[in-house]
């Protein structure tokens, strides 16, 4: 019998956005608050050992979901449980089970990758000697060259820094790994390195992965199941092949995840991104 890794039930999250002073002057209005509903009564279940993808444009709510699971935010209503532990009321137990890799990962930029990872190891109570061996293995597996391990992070490219962030996430061997757009900023070869390592971690360490991405091909290759989220709602949830079966092929071409997105949301991925930026 499979164990449920993550249960999300009727989760709603609302943010309050204030008009900028510049906008108020332009519109000649007083300070105004606007409620933005990021998640609208979300329901989903992730089984242990799954790589579960959440696919959607910027502003769709997928990163908010990750922050809720990682205890960085609290839901306004509904509940989230990680291996049976309530995220809001048993956050300490949840934190011991998870680790998060985000697109905006923070580092001590004057420190080297080794120093940053050793700091993370101490926070999680890992033995320093064992951690040094493990972090070197992980960084090599992700394609980082050993001569860069002791260089300051500020001298590394954005893509190399993101690989160190991924290494930090894997270092603690979490049983639920939260990957929030982990390959953003990486070149195609580096993306494949990270994707291969995600599969390896799942197979060799019995890890469950919750992955958010706007890279549809990445979701198709990596995920056992995918939830497509748009404007705070899940509009479809199935295996990649199950989702593609919802959309008939055009002119004999194979249906892609982008075809699915367009069919279910009524717009292309680029259009959805442009709407969010406007």
C-alpha atoms as a PDB file:
ATOM      1  CA  UNK A   1       0.000   0.000   0.000  1.00  0.00           C
ATOM      2  CA  UNK A   2       1.375   3.400  -0.958  1.00  0.00           C
ATOM      3  CA  UNK A   3       1.808   6.117   1.649  1.00  0.00           C
ATOM      4  CA  UNK A   4       0.400   9.572   0.995  1.00  0.00           C
ATOM      5  CA  UNK A   5       3.244  12.102   1.008  1.00  0.00           C
ATOM      6  CA  UNK A   6       1.200  15.287   0.618  1.00  0.00           C
ATOM      7  CA  UNK A   7      -2.485  16.062   1.118  1.00  0.00           C
ATOM      8  CA  UNK A   8      -3.863  19.457   0.132  1.00  0.00           C
ATOM      9  CA  UNK A   9      -7.522  19.999   0.965  1.00  0.00           C
ATOM     10  CA  UNK A  10      -9.578  23.067   0.034  1.00  0.00           C
ATOM     11  CA  UNK A  11      -6.591  25.384   0.377  1.00  0.00           C
ATOM     12  CA  UNK A  12      -7.176  29.059  -0.241  1.00  0.00           C
ATOM     13  CA  UNK A  13      -4.579  31.840  -0.061  1.00  0.00           C
ATOM     14  CA  UNK A  14      -5.269  35.556  -0.473  1.00  0.00           C
ATOM     15  CA  UNK A  15      -2.736  38.385  -0.634  1.00  0.00           C
ATOM     16  CA  UNK A  16      -3.464  42.086  -0.178  1.00  0.00           C
ATOM     17  CA  UNK A  17      -1.877  44.328  -2.782  1.00  0.00           C
ATOM     18  CA  UNK A  18      -1.636  48.071  -2.255  1.00  0.00           C
ATOM     19  CA  UNK A  19      -1.616  50.558  -5.124  1.00  0.00           C
ATOM     20  CA  UNK A  20       1.712  52.304  -5.547  1.00  0.00           C
ATOM     21  CA  UNK A  21       2.000  56.035  -4.765  1.00  0.00           C
ATOM     22  CA  UNK A  22       2.718  56.695  -8.439  1.00  0.00           C
ATOM     23  CA  UNK A  23      -0.411  54.902  -9.546  1.00  0.00           C
ATOM     24  CA  UNK A  24      -2.528  56.695  -6.914  1.00  0.00           C
ATOM     25  CA  UNK A  25      -1.272  60.080  -8.123  1.00  0.00           C
ATOM     26  CA  UNK A  26      -2.035  59.150 -11.695  1.00  0.00           C
ATOM     27  CA  UNK A  27      -5.554  57.985 -10.838  1.00  0.00           C
ATOM     28  CA  UNK A  28      -6.018  60.653  -8.120  1.00  0.00           C
ATOM     29  CA  UNK A  29      -7.238  58.084  -5.627  1.00  0.00           C
ATOM     30  CA  UNK A  30      -6.555  57.423  -1.972  1.00  0.00           C
ATOM     31  CA  UNK A  31      -4.527  54.465  -0.754  1.00  0.00           C
ATOM     32  CA  UNK A  32      -6.358  51.416  -1.956  1.00  0.00           C
ATOM     33  CA  UNK A  33      -6.007  47.765  -1.042  1.00  0.00           C
ATOM     34  CA  UNK A  34      -6.818  45.024  -3.487  1.00  0.00           C
ATOM     35  CA  UNK A  35      -7.263  41.370  -2.605  1.00  0.00           C
ATOM     36  CA  UNK A  36      -5.481  38.945  -4.919  1.00  0.00           C
ATOM     37  CA  UNK A  37      -6.612  35.336  -4.606  1.00  0.00           C
ATOM     38  CA  UNK A  38      -3.505  33.246  -5.318  1.00  0.00           C
ATOM     39  CA  UNK A  39      -5.069  29.833  -4.643  1.00  0.00           C
ATOM     40  CA  UNK A  40      -8.761  29.059  -4.894  1.00  0.00           C
ATOM     41  CA  UNK A  41      -9.774  25.974  -2.889  1.00  0.00           C
ATOM     42  CA  UNK A  42      -7.007  23.712  -4.182  1.00  0.00           C
ATOM     43  CA  UNK A  43      -7.293  19.928  -3.708  1.00  0.00           C
ATOM     44  CA  UNK A  44      -4.547  17.439  -4.567  1.00  0.00           C
ATOM     45  CA  UNK A  45      -2.817  14.344  -3.228  1.00  0.00           C
ATOM     46  CA  UNK A  46       0.769  13.268  -3.899  1.00  0.00           C
ATOM     47  CA  UNK A  47       1.739   9.662  -3.229  1.00  0.00           C
ATOM     48  CA  UNK A  48       5.090   8.648  -1.765  1.00  0.00           C
ATOM     49  CA  UNK A  49       7.719   8.140  -4.461  1.00  0.00           C
ATOM     50  CA  UNK A  50       5.966  10.282  -7.073  1.00  0.00           C
ATOM     51  CA  UNK A  51       7.460  13.096  -9.066  1.00  0.00           C
ATOM     52  CA  UNK A  52       4.432  15.374  -9.133  1.00  0.00           C
ATOM     53  CA  UNK A  53       4.494  18.428 -11.367  1.00  0.00           C
ATOM     54  CA  UNK A  54       2.600  21.697 -11.087  1.00  0.00           C
ATOM     55  CA  UNK A  55       2.585  23.453 -14.426  1.00  0.00           C
ATOM     56  CA  UNK A  56       1.509  27.034 -14.996  1.00  0.00           C
ATOM     57  CA  UNK A  57       2.617  30.543 -15.969  1.00  0.00           C
ATOM     58  CA  UNK A  58       4.077  33.084 -13.571  1.00  0.00           C
ATOM     59  CA  UNK A  59       1.377  34.274 -11.193  1.00  0.00           C
ATOM     60  CA  UNK A  60      -0.716  31.130 -11.538  1.00  0.00           C
ATOM     61  CA  UNK A  61      -0.232  30.168  -7.874  1.00  0.00           C
ATOM     62  CA  UNK A  62       2.284  27.351  -8.209  1.00  0.00           C
ATOM     63  CA  UNK A  63       5.054  29.013  -6.178  1.00  0.00           C
ATOM     64  CA  UNK A  64       2.516  30.009  -3.515  1.00  0.00           C
ATOM     65  CA  UNK A  65       1.637  26.325  -3.197  1.00  0.00           C
ATOM     66  CA  UNK A  66       5.310  25.423  -2.689  1.00  0.00           C
ATOM     67  CA  UNK A  67       5.714  28.117  -0.011  1.00  0.00           C
ATOM     68  CA  UNK A  68       2.653  26.802   1.823  1.00  0.00           C
ATOM     69  CA  UNK A  69       3.972  23.238   1.827  1.00  0.00           C
ATOM     70  CA  UNK A  70       7.392  24.446   3.018  1.00  0.00           C
ATOM     71  CA  UNK A  71       5.754  26.319   5.982  1.00  0.00           C
ATOM     72  CA  UNK A  72       6.883  29.742   4.696  1.00  0.00           C
ATOM     73  CA  UNK A  73       3.234  30.777   4.334  1.00  0.00           C
ATOM     74  CA  UNK A  74       0.061  29.753   6.126  1.00  0.00           C
ATOM     75  CA  UNK A  75      -3.210  29.024   4.318  1.00  0.00           C
ATOM     76  CA  UNK A  76      -6.181  31.301   4.887  1.00  0.00           C
ATOM     77  CA  UNK A  77      -8.400  28.229   4.871  1.00  0.00           C
ATOM     78  CA  UNK A  78      -8.068  24.525   4.213  1.00  0.00           C
ATOM     79  CA  UNK A  79      -5.270  22.207   5.322  1.00  0.00           C
ATOM     80  CA  UNK A  80      -1.970  20.748   4.138  1.00  0.00           C
ATOM     81  CA  UNK A  81      -0.394  17.574   5.542  1.00  0.00           C
ATOM     82  CA  UNK A  82       3.066  16.136   4.858  1.00  0.00           C
ATOM     83  CA  UNK A  83       3.172  12.423   5.687  1.00  0.00           C
ATOM     84  CA  UNK A  84       0.259  13.022   8.040  1.00  0.00           C
ATOM     85  CA  UNK A  85       1.765  16.066   9.787  1.00  0.00           C
ATOM     86  CA  UNK A  86      -0.224  19.283   9.574  1.00  0.00           C
ATOM     87  CA  UNK A  87       1.894  22.046   8.026  1.00  0.00           C
ATOM     88  CA  UNK A  88       0.356  24.745  10.219  1.00  0.00           C
ATOM     89  CA  UNK A  89       0.200  22.963  13.577  1.00  0.00           C
ATOM     90  CA  UNK A  90       3.185  20.592  13.336  1.00  0.00           C
ATOM     91  CA  UNK A  91       5.579  22.677  11.285  1.00  0.00           C
ATOM     92  CA  UNK A  92       8.717  21.479  13.111  1.00  0.00           C
ATOM     93  CA  UNK A  93       8.073  17.864  12.098  1.00  0.00           C
ATOM     94  CA  UNK A  94       7.337  18.950   8.528  1.00  0.00           C
ATOM     95  CA  UNK A  95      10.570  20.952   8.267  1.00  0.00           C
ATOM     96  CA  UNK A  96      12.604  17.859   9.173  1.00  0.00           C
ATOM     97  CA  UNK A  97      11.074  15.978   6.223  1.00  0.00           C
ATOM     98  CA  UNK A  98      11.430  18.553   3.468  1.00  0.00           C
ATOM     99  CA  UNK A  99      13.893  20.724   1.645  1.00  0.00           C
ATOM    100  CA  UNK A 100      13.202  23.402  -0.929  1.00  0.00           C
ATOM    101  CA  UNK A 101      15.062  24.577  -4.009  1.00  0.00           C
ATOM    102  CA  UNK A 102      13.775  27.848  -5.446  1.00  0.00           C
ATOM    103  CA  UNK A 103      14.587  29.932  -8.477  1.00  0.00           C
ATOM    104  CA  UNK A 104      15.620  32.795  -6.179  1.00  0.00           C
ATOM    105  CA  UNK A 105      17.891  30.784  -3.872  1.00  0.00           C
ATOM    106  CA  UNK A 106      19.904  32.882  -1.401  1.00  0.00           C
ATOM    107  CA  UNK A 107      23.582  32.355  -0.566  1.00  0.00           C
ATOM    108  CA  UNK A 108      26.446  33.963   1.279  1.00  0.00           C
ATOM    109  CA  UNK A 109      27.956  35.315  -1.946  1.00  0.00           C
ATOM    110  CA  UNK A 110      31.423  35.864  -0.432  1.00  0.00           C
ATOM    111  CA  UNK A 111      31.526  32.209   0.612  1.00  0.00           C
ATOM    112  CA  UNK A 112      32.380  29.264  -1.622  1.00  0.00           C
ATOM    113  CA  UNK A 113      29.949  26.466  -2.541  1.00  0.00           C
ATOM    114  CA  UNK A 114      31.619  24.209   0.029  1.00  0.00           C
ATOM    115  CA  UNK A 115      31.250  26.826   2.769  1.00  0.00           C
ATOM    116  CA  UNK A 116      27.603  27.465   1.894  1.00  0.00           C
ATOM    117  CA  UNK A 117      26.792  23.760   1.888  1.00  0.00           C
ATOM    118  CA  UNK A 118      28.648  23.181   5.162  1.00  0.00           C
ATOM    119  CA  UNK A 119      26.539  25.939   6.717  1.00  0.00           C
ATOM    120  CA  UNK A 120      23.386  24.185   5.500  1.00  0.00           C
ATOM    121  CA  UNK A 121      24.700  20.853   6.826  1.00  0.00           C
ATOM    122  CA  UNK A 122      25.204  22.340  10.294  1.00  0.00           C
ATOM    123  CA  UNK A 123      21.668  23.753  10.307  1.00  0.00           C
ATOM    124  CA  UNK A 124      20.346  20.241   9.681  1.00  0.00           C
ATOM    125  CA  UNK A 125      22.686  18.632  12.222  1.00  0.00           C
ATOM    126  CA  UNK A 126      24.689  16.639   9.657  1.00  0.00           C
ATOM    127  CA  UNK A 127      28.168  15.371  10.440  1.00  0.00           C
ATOM    128  CA  UNK A 128      30.656  17.755   8.780  1.00  0.00           C
ATOM    129  CA  UNK A 129      32.981  15.022   7.529  1.00  0.00           C
ATOM    130  CA  UNK A 130      30.207  12.975   5.966  1.00  0.00           C
ATOM    131  CA  UNK A 131      28.595  16.118   4.556  1.00  0.00           C
ATOM    132  CA  UNK A 132      31.845  17.163   2.814  1.00  0.00           C
ATOM    133  CA  UNK A 133      32.062  13.828   1.026  1.00  0.00           C
ATOM    134  CA  UNK A 134      28.402  13.874   0.052  1.00  0.00           C
ATOM    135  CA  UNK A 135      28.354  17.486  -1.170  1.00  0.00           C
ATOM    136  CA  UNK A 136      31.333  16.884  -3.442  1.00  0.00           C
ATOM    137  CA  UNK A 137      29.657  13.827  -4.933  1.00  0.00           C
ATOM    138  CA  UNK A 138      26.424  15.722  -5.552  1.00  0.00           C
ATOM    139  CA  UNK A 139      28.097  18.755  -7.136  1.00  0.00           C
ATOM    140  CA  UNK A 140      30.177  16.536  -9.434  1.00  0.00           C
ATOM    141  CA  UNK A 141      27.053  14.600 -10.395  1.00  0.00           C
ATOM    142  CA  UNK A 142      25.377  17.900 -11.294  1.00  0.00           C
ATOM    143  CA  UNK A 143      28.265  18.823 -13.593  1.00  0.00           C
ATOM    144  CA  UNK A 144      30.116  21.350 -11.413  1.00  0.00           C
ATOM    145  CA  UNK A 145      33.887  21.268 -11.790  1.00  0.00           C
ATOM    146  CA  UNK A 146      35.903  20.543  -8.665  1.00  0.00           C
ATOM    147  CA  UNK A 147      38.134  23.587  -9.168  1.00  0.00           C
ATOM    148  CA  UNK A 148      35.072  25.812  -8.583  1.00  0.00           C
ATOM    149  CA  UNK A 149      34.148  24.287  -5.221  1.00  0.00           C
ATOM    150  CA  UNK A 150      36.250  26.738  -3.197  1.00  0.00           C
ATOM    151  CA  UNK A 151      35.697  29.879  -5.276  1.00  0.00           C
ATOM    152  CA  UNK A 152      33.395  32.647  -3.968  1.00  0.00           C
ATOM    153  CA  UNK A 153      29.814  32.259  -5.157  1.00  0.00           C
ATOM    154  CA  UNK A 154      29.820  35.848  -6.433  1.00  0.00           C
ATOM    155  CA  UNK A 155      32.285  34.783  -9.143  1.00  0.00           C
ATOM    156  CA  UNK A 156      30.010  32.020 -10.419  1.00  0.00           C
ATOM    157  CA  UNK A 157      27.455  32.307 -13.202  1.00  0.00           C
ATOM    158  CA  UNK A 158      23.721  32.335 -12.462  1.00  0.00           C
ATOM    159  CA  UNK A 159      23.443  28.791 -13.797  1.00  0.00           C
ATOM    160  CA  UNK A 160      26.301  27.499 -11.645  1.00  0.00           C
ATOM    161  CA  UNK A 161      24.800  29.132  -8.563  1.00  0.00           C
ATOM    162  CA  UNK A 162      21.506  27.400  -9.290  1.00  0.00           C
ATOM    163  CA  UNK A 163      23.294  24.054  -9.437  1.00  0.00           C
ATOM    164  CA  UNK A 164      24.721  24.731  -5.975  1.00  0.00           C
ATOM    165  CA  UNK A 165      21.172  25.484  -4.806  1.00  0.00           C
ATOM    166  CA  UNK A 166      20.041  22.127  -6.168  1.00  0.00           C
ATOM    167  CA  UNK A 167      22.977  20.419  -4.434  1.00  0.00           C
ATOM    168  CA  UNK A 168      21.978  22.078  -1.150  1.00  0.00           C
ATOM    169  CA  UNK A 169      18.448  20.753  -1.545  1.00  0.00           C
ATOM    170  CA  UNK A 170      19.651  17.195  -2.116  1.00  0.00           C
ATOM    171  CA  UNK A 171      22.292  17.307   0.634  1.00  0.00           C
ATOM    172  CA  UNK A 172      19.882  16.625   3.511  1.00  0.00           C
ATOM    173  CA  UNK A 173      18.218  13.645   1.755  1.00  0.00           C
ATOM    174  CA  UNK A 174      14.665  14.959   2.320  1.00  0.00           C
ATOM    175  CA  UNK A 175      11.805  12.525   1.892  1.00  0.00           C
ATOM    176  CA  UNK A 176       9.795  15.339   0.270  1.00  0.00           C
ATOM    177  CA  UNK A 177      11.825  17.559  -2.035  1.00  0.00           C
ATOM    178  CA  UNK A 178      10.203  20.815  -3.162  1.00  0.00           C
ATOM    179  CA  UNK A 179      11.632  22.074  -6.439  1.00  0.00           C
ATOM    180  CA  UNK A 180      10.359  25.517  -7.437  1.00  0.00           C
ATOM    181  CA  UNK A 181      11.526  26.054 -11.037  1.00  0.00           C
ATOM    182  CA  UNK A 182      14.932  24.471 -10.255  1.00  0.00           C
ATOM    183  CA  UNK A 183      16.299  24.582 -13.809  1.00  0.00           C
ATOM    184  CA  UNK A 184      15.470  28.205 -14.613  1.00  0.00           C
ATOM    185  CA  UNK A 185      18.618  29.913 -15.908  1.00  0.00           C
ATOM    186  CA  UNK A 186      20.387  26.663 -16.780  1.00  0.00           C
ATOM    187  CA  UNK A 187      21.646  25.780 -20.252  1.00  0.00           C
ATOM    188  CA  UNK A 188      20.098  22.685 -21.924  1.00  0.00           C
ATOM    189  CA  UNK A 189      22.963  20.378 -20.896  1.00  0.00           C
ATOM    190  CA  UNK A 190      22.801  21.520 -17.265  1.00  0.00           C
ATOM    191  CA  UNK A 191      19.029  21.092 -17.282  1.00  0.00           C
ATOM    192  CA  UNK A 192      19.469  17.470 -18.314  1.00  0.00           C
ATOM    193  CA  UNK A 193      22.032  16.955 -15.514  1.00  0.00           C
ATOM    194  CA  UNK A 194      19.555  18.210 -12.910  1.00  0.00           C
ATOM    195  CA  UNK A 195      16.642  16.260 -14.379  1.00  0.00           C
ATOM    196  CA  UNK A 196      18.655  13.033 -14.423  1.00  0.00           C
ATOM    197  CA  UNK A 197      19.658  13.582 -10.810  1.00  0.00           C
ATOM    198  CA  UNK A 198      16.032  14.146  -9.778  1.00  0.00           C
ATOM    199  CA  UNK A 199      15.114  10.773 -11.279  1.00  0.00           C
ATOM    200  CA  UNK A 200      18.112   9.146  -9.596  1.00  0.00           C
ATOM    201  CA  UNK A 201      17.239  10.598  -6.172  1.00  0.00           C
ATOM    202  CA  UNK A 202      13.669   9.334  -6.457  1.00  0.00           C
ATOM    203  CA  UNK A 203      14.785   5.835  -7.436  1.00  0.00           C
ATOM    204  CA  UNK A 204      17.675   5.415  -4.968  1.00  0.00           C
ATOM    205  CA  UNK A 205      16.482   7.384  -1.912  1.00  0.00           C
ATOM    206  CA  UNK A 206      12.719   6.762  -1.931  1.00  0.00           C
ATOM    207  CA  UNK A 207      12.165  10.500  -2.209  1.00  0.00           C
ATOM    208  CA  UNK A 208       8.959  12.234  -3.271  1.00  0.00           C
ATOM    209  CA  UNK A 209       9.326  15.313  -5.467  1.00  0.00           C
ATOM    210  CA  UNK A 210       6.927  18.229  -5.890  1.00  0.00           C
ATOM    211  CA  UNK A 211       8.098  20.172  -8.923  1.00  0.00           C
ATOM    212  CA  UNK A 212       6.808  23.515 -10.161  1.00  0.00           C
ATOM    213  CA  UNK A 213       7.880  24.618 -13.597  1.00  0.00           C
ATOM    214  CA  UNK A 214       6.847  26.615 -16.626  1.00  0.00           C
ATOM    215  CA  UNK A 215       8.988  24.313 -18.796  1.00  0.00           C
ATOM    216  CA  UNK A 216       6.423  22.004 -20.349  1.00  0.00           C
ATOM    217  CA  UNK A 217       8.948  19.586 -21.845  1.00  0.00           C
ATOM    218  CA  UNK A 218      10.610  19.238 -18.436  1.00  0.00           C
ATOM    219  CA  UNK A 219       7.279  18.411 -16.816  1.00  0.00           C
ATOM    220  CA  UNK A 220       6.518  15.889 -19.568  1.00  0.00           C
ATOM    221  CA  UNK A 221       9.875  14.110 -19.161  1.00  0.00           C
ATOM    222  CA  UNK A 222      10.101  14.105 -15.366  1.00  0.00           C
ATOM    223  CA  UNK A 223       6.644  13.836 -13.861  1.00  0.00           C
ATOM    224  CA  UNK A 224       4.462  10.849 -13.062  1.00  0.00           C
ATOM    225  CA  UNK A 225       1.460  13.160 -12.803  1.00  0.00           C
ATOM    226  CA  UNK A 226       0.916  16.829 -13.582  1.00  0.00           C
ATOM    227  CA  UNK A 227      -1.548  19.404 -12.289  1.00  0.00           C
ATOM    228  CA  UNK A 228      -2.112  22.330 -14.618  1.00  0.00           C
ATOM    229  CA  UNK A 229      -2.865  25.423 -12.565  1.00  0.00           C
ATOM    230  CA  UNK A 230      -4.204  28.666 -13.969  1.00  0.00           C
ATOM    231  CA  UNK A 231      -5.372  31.741 -12.056  1.00  0.00           C
ATOM    232  CA  UNK A 232      -5.233  29.870  -8.764  1.00  0.00           C
ATOM    233  CA  UNK A 233      -7.274  26.848  -9.837  1.00  0.00           C
ATOM    234  CA  UNK A 234      -6.306  23.367 -10.938  1.00  0.00           C
ATOM    235  CA  UNK A 235      -7.839  23.002 -14.389  1.00  0.00           C
ATOM    236  CA  UNK A 236      -6.599  19.455 -15.045  1.00  0.00           C
ATOM    237  CA  UNK A 237      -4.684  16.688 -13.241  1.00  0.00           C
ATOM    238  CA  UNK A 238      -3.457  13.449 -14.794  1.00  0.00           C
ATOM    239  CA  UNK A 239      -0.397  11.665 -16.118  1.00  0.00           C
ATOM    240  CA  UNK A 240       1.385  13.439 -18.992  1.00  0.00           C
ATOM    241  CA  UNK A 241      -0.039  10.933 -21.450  1.00  0.00           C
ATOM    242  CA  UNK A 242      -3.496  11.205 -19.897  1.00  0.00           C
ATOM    243  CA  UNK A 243      -3.445  14.982 -20.278  1.00  0.00           C
ATOM    244  CA  UNK A 244      -2.312  14.749 -23.898  1.00  0.00           C
ATOM    245  CA  UNK A 245      -5.128  12.332 -24.671  1.00  0.00           C
ATOM    246  CA  UNK A 246      -7.559  15.126 -23.760  1.00  0.00           C
ATOM    247  CA  UNK A 247      -6.453  17.081 -26.820  1.00  0.00           C
ATOM    248  CA  UNK A 248      -6.733  15.695 -30.369  1.00  0.00           C
ATOM    249  CA  UNK A 249      -3.608  15.890 -32.508  1.00  0.00           C
ATOM    250  CA  UNK A 250      -3.419  18.528 -35.234  1.00  0.00           C
ATOM    251  CA  UNK A 251      -2.379  17.629 -38.794  1.00  0.00           C
ATOM    252  CA  UNK A 252      -1.012  14.295 -37.608  1.00  0.00           C
ATOM    253  CA  UNK A 253       1.485  15.878 -35.176  1.00  0.00           C
ATOM    254  CA  UNK A 254       1.817  14.458 -31.679  1.00  0.00           C
ATOM    255  CA  UNK A 255       0.017  16.427 -28.991  1.00  0.00           C
ATOM    256  CA  UNK A 256       2.390  18.333 -26.704  1.00  0.00           C
ATOM    257  CA  UNK A 257       1.933  19.712 -23.198  1.00  0.00           C
ATOM    258  CA  UNK A 258       1.755  23.177 -24.752  1.00  0.00           C
ATOM    259  CA  UNK A 259      -1.192  22.006 -26.857  1.00  0.00           C
ATOM    260  CA  UNK A 260      -2.843  20.816 -23.635  1.00  0.00           C
ATOM    261  CA  UNK A 261      -2.200  24.156 -21.938  1.00  0.00           C
ATOM    262  CA  UNK A 262      -3.722  26.117 -24.820  1.00  0.00           C
ATOM    263  CA  UNK A 263      -6.758  23.850 -24.944  1.00  0.00           C
ATOM    264  CA  UNK A 264      -7.442  24.029 -21.207  1.00  0.00           C
ATOM    265  CA  UNK A 265      -6.750  27.720 -20.623  1.00  0.00           C
ATOM    266  CA  UNK A 266      -7.754  29.216 -23.964  1.00  0.00           C
ATOM    267  CA  UNK A 267      -4.370  30.896 -24.488  1.00  0.00           C
ATOM    268  CA  UNK A 268      -0.773  30.070 -25.206  1.00  0.00           C
ATOM    269  CA  UNK A 269       1.831  29.934 -22.493  1.00  0.00           C
ATOM    270  CA  UNK A 270       3.454  33.111 -23.859  1.00  0.00           C
ATOM    271  CA  UNK A 271       0.104  34.922 -23.781  1.00  0.00           C
ATOM    272  CA  UNK A 272      -0.458  33.888 -20.169  1.00  0.00           C
ATOM    273  CA  UNK A 273       2.994  35.175 -19.207  1.00  0.00           C
ATOM    274  CA  UNK A 274       2.387  38.463 -21.060  1.00  0.00           C
ATOM    275  CA  UNK A 275      -0.945  38.983 -19.270  1.00  0.00           C
ATOM    276  CA  UNK A 276       0.766  38.591 -15.899  1.00  0.00           C
ATOM    277  CA  UNK A 277       3.488  41.120 -16.803  1.00  0.00           C
ATOM    278  CA  UNK A 278       1.042  43.737 -18.165  1.00  0.00           C
END
